[in-house]
């Protein structure tokens, strides 16, 4: 059984006991969260597709850790000028473990 969920503006295909990395979700490690934007649920060859969401369906998850992604470095430079900028950015992300899918 798997589901397609939407969180943080992105879609993820999840199954039970799977760990995924998503955009920041507010909470501490060990907190339980409900992801209510379920787009599709499939169980074997039975599929339930929402238009756009399935009403009443939710995915239960547990926050494993809050962390930051690896640094992305951006460099700006203009030729024939002494203009150089080096900018780093680390995105906040949350690791969650899927504990159950409720249709």
Protein backbone atom coordinates (compact mmCIF):
# COMPACT_ATOMS: atom_id res chain seq x y z
CA UNK A 1 0.00 0.00 0.00
CA UNK A 2 1.32 3.44 -0.89
CA UNK A 3 0.05 6.99 -1.07
CA UNK A 4 0.97 10.19 -2.86
CA UNK A 5 1.01 13.17 -0.50
CA UNK A 6 1.62 16.88 -0.92
CA UNK A 7 3.63 18.87 1.61
CA UNK A 8 5.72 21.97 1.22
CA UNK A 9 4.59 22.47 -2.37
CA UNK A 10 6.05 19.11 -3.47
CA UNK A 11 4.59 15.65 -3.96
CA UNK A 12 5.99 12.47 -2.44
CA UNK A 13 5.21 8.77 -2.94
CA UNK A 14 5.22 7.18 0.51
CA UNK A 15 4.67 3.73 1.99
CA UNK A 16 4.57 2.42 5.54
CA UNK A 17 7.81 2.44 7.62
CA UNK A 18 9.55 4.66 5.05
CA UNK A 19 11.74 7.62 6.00
CA UNK A 20 11.63 10.67 3.73
CA UNK A 21 13.13 14.14 3.81
CA UNK A 22 10.62 16.99 3.35
CA UNK A 23 10.63 20.74 3.79
CA UNK A 24 10.50 22.07 7.34
CA UNK A 25 7.56 20.90 9.44
CA UNK A 26 7.09 22.59 12.82
CA UNK A 27 7.74 20.20 15.71
CA UNK A 28 10.36 18.40 17.75
CA UNK A 29 11.90 14.98 17.19
CA UNK A 30 9.43 12.32 18.31
CA UNK A 31 6.30 14.39 17.63
CA UNK A 32 3.44 12.81 15.68
CA UNK A 33 2.12 14.67 12.63
CA UNK A 34 -0.82 14.13 10.28
CA UNK A 35 -0.39 14.90 6.60
CA UNK A 36 -3.89 15.57 5.31
CA UNK A 37 -3.23 16.47 1.67
CA UNK A 38 -3.45 12.98 0.15
CA UNK A 39 -3.67 12.93 -3.64
CA UNK A 40 -3.81 9.17 -4.27
CA UNK A 41 -3.93 5.87 -2.38
CA UNK A 42 -3.11 2.54 -4.02
CA UNK A 43 -3.55 -0.89 -2.45
CA UNK A 44 -2.54 -3.68 -4.80
CA UNK A 45 -4.47 -3.03 -8.01
CA UNK A 46 -7.11 -0.85 -6.31
CA UNK A 47 -6.50 2.88 -6.77
CA UNK A 48 -8.29 5.79 -5.18
CA UNK A 49 -7.48 9.06 -6.93
CA UNK A 50 -8.65 12.36 -5.50
CA UNK A 51 -9.89 15.38 -7.38
CA UNK A 52 -7.53 16.93 -6.29
CA UNK A 53 -7.50 15.57 -2.68
CA UNK A 54 -9.09 12.50 -1.12
CA UNK A 55 -11.46 13.67 1.60
CA UNK A 56 -10.96 11.98 4.97
CA UNK A 57 -7.65 10.37 4.02
CA UNK A 58 -4.50 11.14 5.93
CA UNK A 59 -0.98 9.87 6.38
CA UNK A 60 0.35 9.49 9.92
CA UNK A 61 4.04 10.25 10.44
CA UNK A 62 6.59 10.79 13.19
CA UNK A 63 9.34 13.41 13.11
CA UNK A 64 12.73 11.72 13.26
CA UNK A 65 14.94 14.83 13.18
CA UNK A 66 15.14 18.47 12.23
CA UNK A 67 18.23 19.33 10.21
CA UNK A 68 19.66 21.54 7.53
CA UNK A 69 20.53 20.49 3.99
CA UNK A 70 24.09 20.68 2.65
CA UNK A 71 25.31 24.17 1.79
CA UNK A 72 24.59 25.50 -1.69
CA UNK A 73 27.16 28.07 -2.76
CA UNK A 74 26.33 30.85 -5.22
CA UNK A 75 29.04 33.02 -6.75
CA UNK A 76 28.36 36.32 -8.52
CA UNK A 77 31.07 37.99 -10.57
CA UNK A 78 31.14 40.79 -13.10
CA UNK A 79 34.09 40.85 -15.47
CA UNK A 80 36.42 43.88 -15.62
CA UNK A 81 35.13 45.10 -12.26
CA UNK A 82 36.19 44.23 -8.77
CA UNK A 83 32.74 42.80 -8.02
CA UNK A 84 32.73 39.33 -6.49
CA UNK A 85 30.15 37.89 -4.09
CA UNK A 86 30.10 34.46 -2.51
CA UNK A 87 26.81 33.51 -0.88
CA UNK A 88 26.00 30.28 0.97
CA UNK A 89 22.57 28.94 1.87
CA UNK A 90 21.37 25.93 3.89
CA UNK A 91 17.71 24.96 3.63
CA UNK A 92 15.87 23.70 6.74
CA UNK A 93 14.44 20.21 6.32
CA UNK A 94 12.65 17.56 8.36
CA UNK A 95 13.15 13.80 8.28
CA UNK A 96 9.86 11.98 8.90
CA UNK A 97 8.97 8.31 9.23
CA UNK A 98 5.63 7.19 7.82
CA UNK A 99 3.76 5.16 10.45
CA UNK A 100 0.43 4.58 8.73
CA UNK A 101 -1.92 5.42 5.89
CA UNK A 102 -5.60 5.98 6.73
CA UNK A 103 -7.92 5.80 3.74
